[in-house]
C-alpha atoms as a PDB file:
ATOM      1  CA  MET A   1       0.000   0.000   0.000  1.00  0.00           C
ATOM      2  CA  LYS A   2       2.807   2.394   0.925  1.00  0.00           C
ATOM      3  CA  ASP A   3       4.471   1.871  -2.478  1.00  0.00           C
ATOM      4  CA  PHE A   4       1.200   2.523  -4.309  1.00  0.00           C
ATOM      5  CA  LEU A   5       0.746   5.773  -2.378  1.00  0.00           C
ATOM      6  CA  LEU A   6       4.339   6.794  -3.093  1.00  0.00           C
ATOM      7  CA  ARG A   7       3.806   6.275  -6.830  1.00  0.00           C
ATOM      8  CA  ARG A   8       0.621   8.392  -6.690  1.00  0.00           C
ATOM      9  CA  ALA A   9       2.503  11.144  -4.847  1.00  0.00           C
ATOM     10  CA  GLN A  10       5.271  11.291  -7.450  1.00  0.00           C
ATOM     11  CA  LYS A  11       2.812  11.807 -10.274  1.00  0.00           C
ATOM     12  CA  PRO A  12       2.021  15.477 -11.000  1.00  0.00           C
ATOM     13  CA  HIS A  13      -1.676  16.331 -10.763  1.00  0.00           C
ATOM     14  CA  SER A  14      -3.419  19.091 -12.669  1.00  0.00           C
ATOM     15  CA  PRO A  15      -5.784  21.526 -10.962  1.00  0.00           C
ATOM     16  CA  LEU A  16      -8.665  19.617 -12.591  1.00  0.00           C
ATOM     17  CA  HIS A  17      -7.479  16.330 -11.005  1.00  0.00           C
ATOM     18  CA  ARG A  18      -7.277  18.078  -7.629  1.00  0.00           C
ATOM     19  CA  TRP A  19     -10.832  19.443  -7.947  1.00  0.00           C
ATOM     20  CA  VAL A  20     -12.196  16.065  -9.053  1.00  0.00           C
ATOM     21  CA  ALA A  21     -10.489  14.453  -6.049  1.00  0.00           C
ATOM     22  CA  LEU A  22     -11.984  17.105  -3.746  1.00  0.00           C
ATOM     23  CA  VAL A  23     -15.506  16.583  -5.064  1.00  0.00           C
ATOM     24  CA  GLY A  24     -15.127  12.795  -5.018  1.00  0.00           C
ATOM     25  CA  SER A  25     -13.805  12.854  -1.456  1.00  0.00           C
ATOM     26  CA  ALA A  26     -16.645  15.146  -0.354  1.00  0.00           C
ATOM     27  CA  ILE A  27     -19.260  12.829  -1.859  1.00  0.00           C
ATOM     28  CA  LEU A  28     -17.625   9.777  -0.286  1.00  0.00           C
ATOM     29  CA  PHE A  29     -16.993  11.147   3.217  1.00  0.00           C
ATOM     30  CA  TRP A  30     -19.935  13.534   3.594  1.00  0.00           C
ATOM     31  CA  ILE A  31     -22.686  11.543   1.823  1.00  0.00           C
ATOM     32  CA  VAL A  32     -21.857   7.894   1.076  1.00  0.00           C
ATOM     33  CA  ILE A  33     -20.147   6.928   4.344  1.00  0.00           C
ATOM     34  CA  PRO A  34     -22.742   8.678   6.554  1.00  0.00           C
ATOM     35  CA  LEU A  35     -25.528   6.863   4.670  1.00  0.00           C
ATOM     36  CA  LEU A  36     -23.697   3.555   5.128  1.00  0.00           C
ATOM     37  CA  LEU A  37     -23.228   4.315   8.823  1.00  0.00           C
ATOM     38  CA  VAL A  38     -26.940   4.988   9.197  1.00  0.00           C
ATOM     39  CA  ALA A  39     -27.866   1.783   7.370  1.00  0.00           C
ATOM     40  CA  LEU A  40     -25.358  -0.350   9.294  1.00  0.00           C
ATOM     41  CA  SER A  41     -26.373   1.186  12.597  1.00  0.00           C
ATOM     42  CA  LEU A  42     -30.042   0.397  11.890  1.00  0.00           C
ATOM     43  CA  LEU A  43     -29.127  -3.217  11.141  1.00  0.00           C
ATOM     44  CA  LEU A  44     -26.928  -3.504  14.238  1.00  0.00           C
ATOM     45  CA  THR A  45     -29.584  -1.914  16.416  1.00  0.00           C
ATOM     46  CA  PHE A  46     -32.135  -4.437  15.147  1.00  0.00           C
ATOM     47  CA  TRP A  47     -29.846  -7.506  15.332  1.00  0.00           C
ATOM     48  CA  LEU A  48     -28.325  -6.699  18.720  1.00  0.00           C
ATOM     49  CA  HIS A  49     -31.473  -5.120  20.226  1.00  0.00           C
ATOM     50  CA  LEU A  50     -29.532  -1.998  21.170  1.00  0.00           C
ATOM     51  CA  PRO A  51     -31.474   0.735  22.911  1.00  0.00           C
ATOM     52  CA  PRO A  52     -31.379   4.278  21.570  1.00  0.00           C
ATOM     53  CA  LEU A  53     -29.561   7.004  23.429  1.00  0.00           C
ATOM     54  CA  PRO A  54     -31.821   8.791  25.907  1.00  0.00           C
ATOM     55  CA  ALA A  55     -34.055  11.290  24.116  1.00  0.00           C
ATOM     56  CA  SER A  56     -32.499  14.603  24.984  1.00  0.00           C
ATOM     57  CA  GLY A  57     -32.492  18.002  23.374  1.00  0.00           C
ATOM     58  CA  TRP A  58     -28.997  18.727  24.645  1.00  0.00           C
ATOM     59  CA  LEU A  59     -27.623  15.535  22.994  1.00  0.00           C
ATOM     60  CA  VAL A  60     -29.154  16.576  19.685  1.00  0.00           C
ATOM     61  CA  GLY A  61     -27.758  20.096  20.147  1.00  0.00           C
ATOM     62  CA  LEU A  62     -24.331  18.704  20.975  1.00  0.00           C
ATOM     63  CA  GLY A  63     -24.522  16.444  17.940  1.00  0.00           C
ATOM     64  CA  LEU A  64     -25.392  19.344  15.645  1.00  0.00           C
ATOM     65  CA  LEU A  65     -22.575  21.418  17.132  1.00  0.00           C
ATOM     66  CA  LEU A  66     -20.104  18.558  16.558  1.00  0.00           C
ATOM     67  CA  MET A  67     -21.271  18.182  12.964  1.00  0.00           C
ATOM     68  CA  VAL A  68     -20.789  21.910  12.288  1.00  0.00           C
ATOM     69  CA  LEU A  69     -17.378  22.033  14.002  1.00  0.00           C
ATOM     70  CA  GLY A  70     -16.190  18.873  12.222  1.00  0.00           C
ATOM     71  CA  SER A  71     -17.327  20.270   8.871  1.00  0.00           C
ATOM     72  CA  LEU A  72     -15.561  23.578   9.478  1.00  0.00           C
ATOM     73  CA  LEU A  73     -12.375  21.738  10.433  1.00  0.00           C
ATOM     74  CA  ASP A  74     -12.603  19.578   7.294  1.00  0.00           C
ATOM     75  CA  LEU A  75     -13.061  22.673   5.123  1.00  0.00           C
ATOM     76  CA  TRP A  76     -10.063  24.353   6.782  1.00  0.00           C
ATOM     77  CA  VAL A  77      -7.968  21.237   6.110  1.00  0.00           C
ATOM     78  CA  ILE A  78      -9.110  21.019   2.488  1.00  0.00           C
ATOM     79  CA  TYR A  79      -8.202  24.675   1.923  1.00  0.00           C
ATOM     80  CA  TYR A  80      -4.633  24.102   3.167  1.00  0.00           C
ATOM     81  CA  GLN A  81      -4.189  20.818   1.325  1.00  0.00           C
ATOM     82  CA  HIS A  82      -5.415  22.402  -1.902  1.00  0.00           C
ATOM     83  CA  THR A  83      -3.605  25.739  -1.718  1.00  0.00           C
ATOM     84  CA  GLU A  84      -0.371  25.057   0.193  1.00  0.00           C
ATOM     85  CA  GLY A  85      -0.027  21.351  -0.442  1.00  0.00           C
ATOM     86  CA  GLN A  86      -1.096  21.458  -4.099  1.00  0.00           C
ATOM     87  CA  GLY A  87      -3.139  18.294  -3.551  1.00  0.00           C
ATOM     88  CA  SER A  88      -6.268  16.964  -1.943  1.00  0.00           C
ATOM     89  CA  PRO A  89      -7.422  14.849   1.004  1.00  0.00           C
ATOM     90  CA  SER A  90      -7.530  11.856  -1.334  1.00  0.00           C
ATOM     91  CA  PRO A  91      -4.479   9.578  -1.290  1.00  0.00           C
ATOM     92  CA  LEU A  92      -5.017   9.260  -5.048  1.00  0.00           C
ATOM     93  CA  VAL A  93      -4.181  12.966  -5.473  1.00  0.00           C
ATOM     94  CA  PRO A  94      -1.967  13.656  -2.449  1.00  0.00           C
ATOM     95  CA  THR A  95      -0.326  16.904  -1.492  1.00  0.00           C
ATOM     96  CA  GLN A  96       2.954  17.697  -3.206  1.00  0.00           C
ATOM     97  CA  GLN A  97       4.368  19.620  -0.243  1.00  0.00           C
ATOM     98  CA  LEU A  98       4.243  18.807   3.458  1.00  0.00           C
ATOM     99  CA  VAL A  99       1.553  21.085   4.882  1.00  0.00           C
ATOM    100  CA  GLN A 100       2.498  22.312   8.362  1.00  0.00           C
ATOM    101  CA  ASP A 101       0.368  25.450   8.719  1.00  0.00           C
ATOM    102  CA  GLY A 102      -3.273  26.062   9.548  1.00  0.00           C
ATOM    103  CA  PRO A 103      -4.873  23.025  11.194  1.00  0.00           C
ATOM    104  CA  PHE A 104      -1.706  21.002  10.510  1.00  0.00           C
ATOM    105  CA  ALA A 105       0.167  23.162  13.028  1.00  0.00           C
ATOM    106  CA  TYR A 106      -1.933  21.580  15.794  1.00  0.00           C
ATOM    107  CA  SER A 107      -2.491  17.989  14.630  1.00  0.00           C
ATOM    108  CA  ARG A 108      -0.853  15.835  11.971  1.00  0.00           C
ATOM    109  CA  ASN A 109      -4.263  14.349  11.111  1.00  0.00           C
ATOM    110  CA  PRO A 110      -6.894  17.089  11.379  1.00  0.00           C
ATOM    111  CA  MET A 111      -8.997  15.724   8.497  1.00  0.00           C
ATOM    112  CA  TYR A 112      -9.597  12.451  10.315  1.00  0.00           C
ATOM    113  CA  ILE A 113     -10.458  14.367  13.485  1.00  0.00           C
ATOM    114  CA  GLY A 114     -12.949  16.556  11.636  1.00  0.00           C
ATOM    115  CA  THR A 115     -14.614  13.684   9.827  1.00  0.00           C
ATOM    116  CA  LEU A 116     -14.866  11.473  12.916  1.00  0.00           C
ATOM    117  CA  THR A 117     -16.316  14.475  14.770  1.00  0.00           C
ATOM    118  CA  ILE A 118     -19.004  14.810  12.084  1.00  0.00           C
ATOM    119  CA  TYR A 119     -19.881  11.106  12.353  1.00  0.00           C
ATOM    120  CA  THR A 120     -19.995  11.272  16.162  1.00  0.00           C
ATOM    121  CA  GLY A 121     -22.317  14.265  15.947  1.00  0.00           C
ATOM    122  CA  LEU A 122     -24.559  12.416  13.496  1.00  0.00           C
ATOM    123  CA  ALA A 123     -24.756   9.461  15.897  1.00  0.00           C
ATOM    124  CA  LEU A 124     -25.822  11.803  18.713  1.00  0.00           C
ATOM    125  CA  VAL A 125     -28.419  13.545  16.537  1.00  0.00           C
ATOM    126  CA  LEU A 126     -29.880  10.164  15.565  1.00  0.00           C
ATOM    127  CA  GLY A 127     -29.600   8.834  19.114  1.00  0.00           C
ATOM    128  CA  SER A 128     -27.800   5.743  17.845  1.00  0.00           C
ATOM    129  CA  VAL A 129     -25.653   3.668  20.185  1.00  0.00           C
ATOM    130  CA  ALA A 130     -24.820   1.388  17.244  1.00  0.00           C
ATOM    131  CA  MET A 131     -23.500   4.309  15.202  1.00  0.00           C
ATOM    132  CA  LEU A 132     -21.346   5.464  18.118  1.00  0.00           C
ATOM    133  CA  LEU A 133     -19.882   1.946  18.248  1.00  0.00           C
ATOM    134  CA  LEU A 134     -19.261   1.995  14.483  1.00  0.00           C
ATOM    135  CA  VAL A 135     -17.549   5.389  14.729  1.00  0.00           C
ATOM    136  CA  ALA A 136     -15.355   4.079  17.562  1.00  0.00           C
ATOM    137  CA  LEU A 137     -14.432   1.053  15.440  1.00  0.00           C
ATOM    138  CA  GLY A 138     -13.743   3.376  12.507  1.00  0.00           C
ATOM    139  CA  ALA A 139     -11.475   5.504  14.714  1.00  0.00           C
ATOM    140  CA  LEU A 140      -9.466   2.407  15.659  1.00  0.00           C
ATOM    141  CA  LEU A 141      -9.140   1.411  11.997  1.00  0.00           C
ATOM    142  CA  VAL A 142      -8.079   4.946  11.033  1.00  0.00           C
ATOM    143  CA  HIS A 143      -5.471   4.932  13.801  1.00  0.00           C
ATOM    144  CA  ALA A 144      -4.071   1.604  12.554  1.00  0.00           C
ATOM    145  CA  TYR A 145      -3.965   2.894   8.956  1.00  0.00           C
ATOM    146  CA  VAL A 146      -2.219   6.125   9.996  1.00  0.00           C
ATOM    147  CA  VAL A 147       0.420   4.303  12.063  1.00  0.00           C
ATOM    148  CA  LEU A 148       0.994   1.335   9.755  1.00  0.00           C
ATOM    149  CA  VAL A 149       0.696   2.970   6.319  1.00  0.00           C
ATOM    150  CA  GLU A 150       0.309   6.733   6.160  1.00  0.00           C
ATOM    151  CA  GLU A 151       3.143   7.769   8.487  1.00  0.00           C
ATOM    152  CA  LYS A 152       5.581   5.455   6.686  1.00  0.00           C
ATOM    153  CA  GLU A 153       4.538   6.861   3.323  1.00  0.00           C
ATOM    154  CA  MET A 154       4.913  10.443   4.589  1.00  0.00           C
ATOM    155  CA  ALA A 155       8.370   9.664   5.998  1.00  0.00           C
ATOM    156  CA  ALA A 156       9.423   8.167   2.655  1.00  0.00           C
ATOM    157  CA  ARG A 157       8.101  11.186   0.740  1.00  0.00           C
ATOM    158  CA  PHE A 158       9.248  14.034   2.975  1.00  0.00           C
ATOM    159  CA  GLY A 159      12.185  12.564   4.903  1.00  0.00           C
ATOM    160  CA  GLU A 160      13.764  14.739   7.580  1.00  0.00           C
ATOM    161  CA  GLU A 161      11.183  17.500   7.104  1.00  0.00           C
ATOM    162  CA  TYR A 162       8.459  15.037   8.162  1.00  0.00           C
ATOM    163  CA  SER A 163      10.561  13.671  11.030  1.00  0.00           C
ATOM    164  CA  ALA A 164      10.967  17.180  12.446  1.00  0.00           C
ATOM    165  CA  TYR A 165       7.249  17.886  11.946  1.00  0.00           C
ATOM    166  CA  LYS A 166       6.364  14.594  13.642  1.00  0.00           C
ATOM    167  CA  LYS A 167       8.439  15.555  16.688  1.00  0.00           C
ATOM    168  CA  ARG A 168       6.825  18.989  16.874  1.00  0.00           C
ATOM    169  CA  VAL A 169       3.122  18.266  16.218  1.00  0.00           C
ATOM    170  CA  PRO A 170       0.999  15.547  17.887  1.00  0.00           C
ATOM    171  CA  ARG A 171      -0.547  12.782  15.796  1.00  0.00           C
ATOM    172  CA  TRP A 172      -4.088  13.423  16.999  1.00  0.00           C
ATOM    173  CA  LEU A 173      -5.325  15.930  19.524  1.00  0.00           C
ATOM    174  CA  PRO A 174      -3.417  19.115  20.268  1.00  0.00           C
ATOM    175  CA  LEU A 175      -3.860  18.674  24.015  1.00  0.00           C
ATOM    176  CA  ARG A 176      -0.234  19.494  24.504  1.00  0.00           C
ATOM    177  CA  ARG A 177       1.731  21.054  21.705  1.00  0.00           C
ATOM    178  CA  LYS A 178       5.287  19.839  21.396  1.00  0.00           C
ATOM    179  CA  HIS A 179       8.009  22.470  21.250  1.00  0.00           C
ATOM    180  CA  GLY A 180      11.411  22.449  19.611  1.00  0.00           C
END
């Protein structure tokens, strides 16, 4: 997988390819995957007889807030990947430069954080325990992919620049920003 991603990164991509990747990624992560999560959570709820989350206006409000914040973070990430990185969130049209500014100054993986925040918010809005479990499983799979594939590919592409960035910026949450 790492070698495939490296080959994709070495190939120059036109602005049209970058826009197509942006639109395709938006459709996949903001429409297709949420619909699949809803469908799978309905099936899991039925099969496992899971109760809904307690009906609560504040949970729905929190869910909506998380969806808005996650979407804003994703848009901020996309802007930096497109303008500074000359790429997209898609590994098929990756950034050509290591982006270290904007949201990438606080987390090495802000797009995953934003998207998982959207999905968590959707689960709260729908009151779905099953969807929360699916999002948690998705977060574990994303973590494994980042550690086992993406970080190795980034190190191969950007070398010492990525190593220094990795030492300075946390993988996930910017609870404590590294210095030096």
